[in-house]
Amino acid sequence: MNWHLQDAKNNFSKVVQRARTEGPQTVTLRGERAAVVLSAEDYDRLAGKKKSLAEYLLTGPGWDDKFAEEVTRRPDTMTRDVEL
């Protein structure tokens, strides 16, 4: 449903209740869409859970067999070839 800003301000509890029961409520300002009131459930579904940096890094792309072999083939201690 569309609400003019002044009507939405005057009936805010009704706007929120309708967002919870009927779905998103659009608020207009001078005839233009200005905002949308969503239920908390709709917002959570749209926003989704954000991963932490650690979760993001740990769920990165899988290693193919060739890459995994290369990683396990390397020695435990790193050596550095340095030319002096």
Protein backbone atom coordinates (compact mmCIF):
# COMPACT_ATOMS: atom_id res chain seq x y z
CA MET A 1 0.00 0.00 0.00
CA ASN A 2 1.13 3.57 -0.65
CA TRP A 3 1.04 6.16 2.12
CA HIS A 4 1.58 9.90 1.79
CA LEU A 5 4.25 10.96 4.27
CA GLN A 6 1.87 12.99 6.44
CA ASP A 7 -0.61 10.09 6.60
CA ALA A 8 2.16 7.65 7.44
CA LYS A 9 3.36 9.93 10.27
CA ASN A 10 -0.16 10.28 11.65
CA ASN A 11 -0.88 6.54 11.39
CA PHE A 12 2.56 5.09 12.05
CA SER A 13 1.30 2.23 14.25
CA LYS A 14 -1.16 1.27 11.49
CA VAL A 15 1.62 1.43 8.87
CA VAL A 16 3.78 -0.89 10.99
CA GLN A 17 0.90 -3.28 11.67
CA ARG A 18 0.06 -3.48 7.96
CA ALA A 19 3.72 -4.09 7.13
CA ARG A 20 3.58 -7.05 9.50
CA THR A 21 0.31 -8.47 8.16
CA GLU A 22 0.06 -7.33 4.53
CA GLY A 23 3.66 -6.80 3.46
CA PRO A 24 5.86 -3.80 2.64
CA GLN A 25 4.26 -0.35 2.90
CA THR A 26 5.52 2.40 0.59
CA VAL A 27 5.74 5.98 1.83
CA THR A 28 5.67 8.76 -0.77
CA LEU A 29 6.91 12.32 -0.59
CA ARG A 30 5.46 14.73 -3.14
CA GLY A 31 4.26 11.77 -5.20
CA GLU A 32 7.68 10.07 -5.32
CA ARG A 33 8.57 6.87 -3.50
CA ALA A 34 10.66 7.89 -0.48
CA ALA A 35 10.73 4.90 1.88
CA VAL A 36 9.43 1.41 2.44
CA VAL A 37 8.37 0.07 5.83
CA LEU A 38 9.08 -3.64 6.22
CA SER A 39 8.31 -6.13 8.93
CA ALA A 40 11.36 -7.26 10.88
CA GLU A 41 10.89 -10.73 9.39
CA ASP A 42 10.96 -9.38 5.82
CA TYR A 43 14.01 -7.27 6.60
CA ASP A 44 15.91 -10.21 8.11
CA ARG A 45 15.10 -12.35 5.09
CA LEU A 46 16.28 -9.67 2.66
CA ALA A 47 19.40 -8.66 4.60
CA GLY A 48 20.52 -12.20 5.29
CA LYS A 49 23.18 -13.11 7.79
CA LYS A 50 26.52 -11.50 7.04
CA LYS A 51 29.58 -13.69 7.44
CA SER A 52 32.46 -12.60 9.64
CA LEU A 53 35.85 -12.21 7.96
CA ALA A 54 36.97 -15.53 9.45
CA GLU A 55 33.85 -17.31 8.16
CA TYR A 56 34.33 -15.74 4.74
CA LEU A 57 37.96 -16.86 4.54
CA LEU A 58 37.20 -20.36 5.82
CA THR A 59 34.42 -20.89 3.29
CA GLY A 60 36.48 -19.80 0.32
CA PRO A 61 36.82 -21.84 -2.84
CA GLY A 62 37.84 -25.46 -2.43
CA TRP A 63 41.26 -26.73 -3.36
CA ASP A 64 41.55 -28.96 -6.36
CA ASP A 65 43.69 -32.10 -6.02
CA LYS A 66 46.70 -30.60 -7.80
CA PHE A 67 46.78 -27.54 -5.53
CA ALA A 68 46.31 -29.66 -2.38
CA GLU A 69 49.23 -31.90 -3.44
CA GLU A 70 51.43 -28.83 -4.01
CA VAL A 71 50.64 -27.45 -0.54
CA THR A 72 51.29 -30.76 1.23
CA ARG A 73 54.46 -31.38 -0.82
CA ARG A 74 56.15 -28.25 0.47
CA PRO A 75 58.53 -28.62 3.43
CA ASP A 76 57.36 -27.65 6.91
CA THR A 77 60.03 -24.98 7.21
CA MET A 78 60.24 -22.28 4.62
CA THR A 79 63.54 -21.63 2.95
CA ARG A 80 64.43 -18.54 1.09
CA ASP A 81 66.87 -18.39 -1.77
CA VAL A 82 68.69 -15.11 -1.39
CA GLU A 83 71.36 -13.84 -3.71
CA LEU A 84 73.92 -11.63 -2.08
